[in-house]
Amino acid sequence: MPFAVKPYVSEATRFLQELKSQHPELEAEQKRGRALLWDRPQDAELRAGYDAARVPQKGYVYGID
């Protein structure tokens, strides 16, 4: 006879779910903030210059060589 087990939901998860239901605009604000700080356009030419200027690291960095 199988028992119906109620899935566990942590207090933090419940808090976030309630917060998002009370403030539906919150997710859009979070996405705008992420775009402001992290989602920057990438310059492929500049990145290629960084990669070309990279110096390979020695196998054992703590040696006296």
C-alpha atoms as a PDB file:
ATOM      1  CA  MET A   1       0.000   0.000   0.000  1.00  0.00           C
ATOM      2  CA  PRO A   2       1.799   3.158  -1.193  1.00  0.00           C
ATOM      3  CA  PHE A   3       1.721   6.256   0.940  1.00  0.00           C
ATOM      4  CA  ALA A   4       1.302   9.700  -0.539  1.00  0.00           C
ATOM      5  CA  VAL A   5       4.313  11.638   0.692  1.00  0.00           C
ATOM      6  CA  LYS A   6       4.049  15.394   0.678  1.00  0.00           C
ATOM      7  CA  PRO A   7       7.152  16.816  -1.039  1.00  0.00           C
ATOM      8  CA  TYR A   8       9.429  18.788   1.274  1.00  0.00           C
ATOM      9  CA  VAL A   9       9.668  22.521   0.638  1.00  0.00           C
ATOM     10  CA  SER A  10      12.230  24.405   2.690  1.00  0.00           C
ATOM     11  CA  GLU A  11      11.453  27.592   4.557  1.00  0.00           C
ATOM     12  CA  ALA A  12      13.753  29.558   2.255  1.00  0.00           C
ATOM     13  CA  THR A  13      11.970  28.235  -0.842  1.00  0.00           C
ATOM     14  CA  ARG A  14       8.570  29.084   0.615  1.00  0.00           C
ATOM     15  CA  PHE A  15       9.808  32.594   1.462  1.00  0.00           C
ATOM     16  CA  LEU A  16      11.054  33.179  -2.086  1.00  0.00           C
ATOM     17  CA  GLN A  17       7.859  31.822  -3.627  1.00  0.00           C
ATOM     18  CA  GLU A  18       5.739  34.100  -1.428  1.00  0.00           C
ATOM     19  CA  LEU A  19       7.987  37.094  -2.160  1.00  0.00           C
ATOM     20  CA  LYS A  20       7.736  36.535  -5.915  1.00  0.00           C
ATOM     21  CA  SER A  21       3.963  36.107  -5.742  1.00  0.00           C
ATOM     22  CA  GLN A  22       3.587  39.336  -3.743  1.00  0.00           C
ATOM     23  CA  HIS A  23       6.041  41.259  -5.975  1.00  0.00           C
ATOM     24  CA  PRO A  24       5.785  39.942  -9.555  1.00  0.00           C
ATOM     25  CA  GLU A  25       7.979  42.777 -10.861  1.00  0.00           C
ATOM     26  CA  LEU A  26      10.918  41.533  -8.803  1.00  0.00           C
ATOM     27  CA  GLU A  27      12.121  39.013 -11.390  1.00  0.00           C
ATOM     28  CA  ALA A  28      12.207  41.639 -14.150  1.00  0.00           C
ATOM     29  CA  GLU A  29      14.230  43.945 -11.876  1.00  0.00           C
ATOM     30  CA  GLN A  30      16.686  41.121 -11.165  1.00  0.00           C
ATOM     31  CA  LYS A  31      17.144  40.486 -14.890  1.00  0.00           C
ATOM     32  CA  ARG A  32      17.733  44.208 -15.518  1.00  0.00           C
ATOM     33  CA  GLY A  33      20.332  44.287 -12.735  1.00  0.00           C
ATOM     34  CA  ARG A  34      22.108  41.243 -14.127  1.00  0.00           C
ATOM     35  CA  ALA A  35      22.207  42.780 -17.601  1.00  0.00           C
ATOM     36  CA  LEU A  36      23.630  45.980 -16.148  1.00  0.00           C
ATOM     37  CA  LEU A  37      26.511  44.246 -14.361  1.00  0.00           C
ATOM     38  CA  TRP A  38      27.235  40.989 -16.199  1.00  0.00           C
ATOM     39  CA  ASP A  39      25.747  40.775 -19.685  1.00  0.00           C
ATOM     40  CA  ARG A  40      28.249  42.960 -21.513  1.00  0.00           C
ATOM     41  CA  PRO A  41      28.976  42.867 -25.245  1.00  0.00           C
ATOM     42  CA  GLN A  42      32.183  40.949 -25.979  1.00  0.00           C
ATOM     43  CA  ASP A  43      34.952  42.235 -28.254  1.00  0.00           C
ATOM     44  CA  ALA A  44      36.351  39.222 -30.149  1.00  0.00           C
ATOM     45  CA  GLU A  45      39.429  41.105 -31.385  1.00  0.00           C
ATOM     46  CA  LEU A  46      40.365  42.241 -27.893  1.00  0.00           C
ATOM     47  CA  ARG A  47      39.832  38.721 -26.524  1.00  0.00           C
ATOM     48  CA  ALA A  48      42.090  37.272 -29.242  1.00  0.00           C
ATOM     49  CA  GLY A  49      44.782  39.760 -28.202  1.00  0.00           C
ATOM     50  CA  TYR A  50      44.478  38.635 -24.571  1.00  0.00           C
ATOM     51  CA  ASP A  51      44.757  34.988 -25.590  1.00  0.00           C
ATOM     52  CA  ALA A  52      47.802  35.664 -27.792  1.00  0.00           C
ATOM     53  CA  ALA A  53      49.579  37.532 -24.969  1.00  0.00           C
ATOM     54  CA  ARG A  54      49.017  34.741 -22.448  1.00  0.00           C
ATOM     55  CA  VAL A  55      52.206  33.222 -21.009  1.00  0.00           C
ATOM     56  CA  PRO A  56      52.039  29.473 -20.325  1.00  0.00           C
ATOM     57  CA  GLN A  57      52.350  28.518 -16.674  1.00  0.00           C
ATOM     58  CA  LYS A  58      55.114  26.145 -15.578  1.00  0.00           C
ATOM     59  CA  GLY A  59      54.136  22.662 -14.458  1.00  0.00           C
ATOM     60  CA  TYR A  60      55.282  23.191 -10.870  1.00  0.00           C
ATOM     61  CA  VAL A  61      54.755  26.790  -9.805  1.00  0.00           C
ATOM     62  CA  TYR A  62      56.500  26.486  -6.429  1.00  0.00           C
ATOM     63  CA  GLY A  63      59.903  25.556  -7.865  1.00  0.00           C
ATOM     64  CA  ILE A  64      62.934  27.849  -7.787  1.00  0.00           C
ATOM     65  CA  ASP A  65      63.682  27.508 -11.549  1.00  0.00           C
END
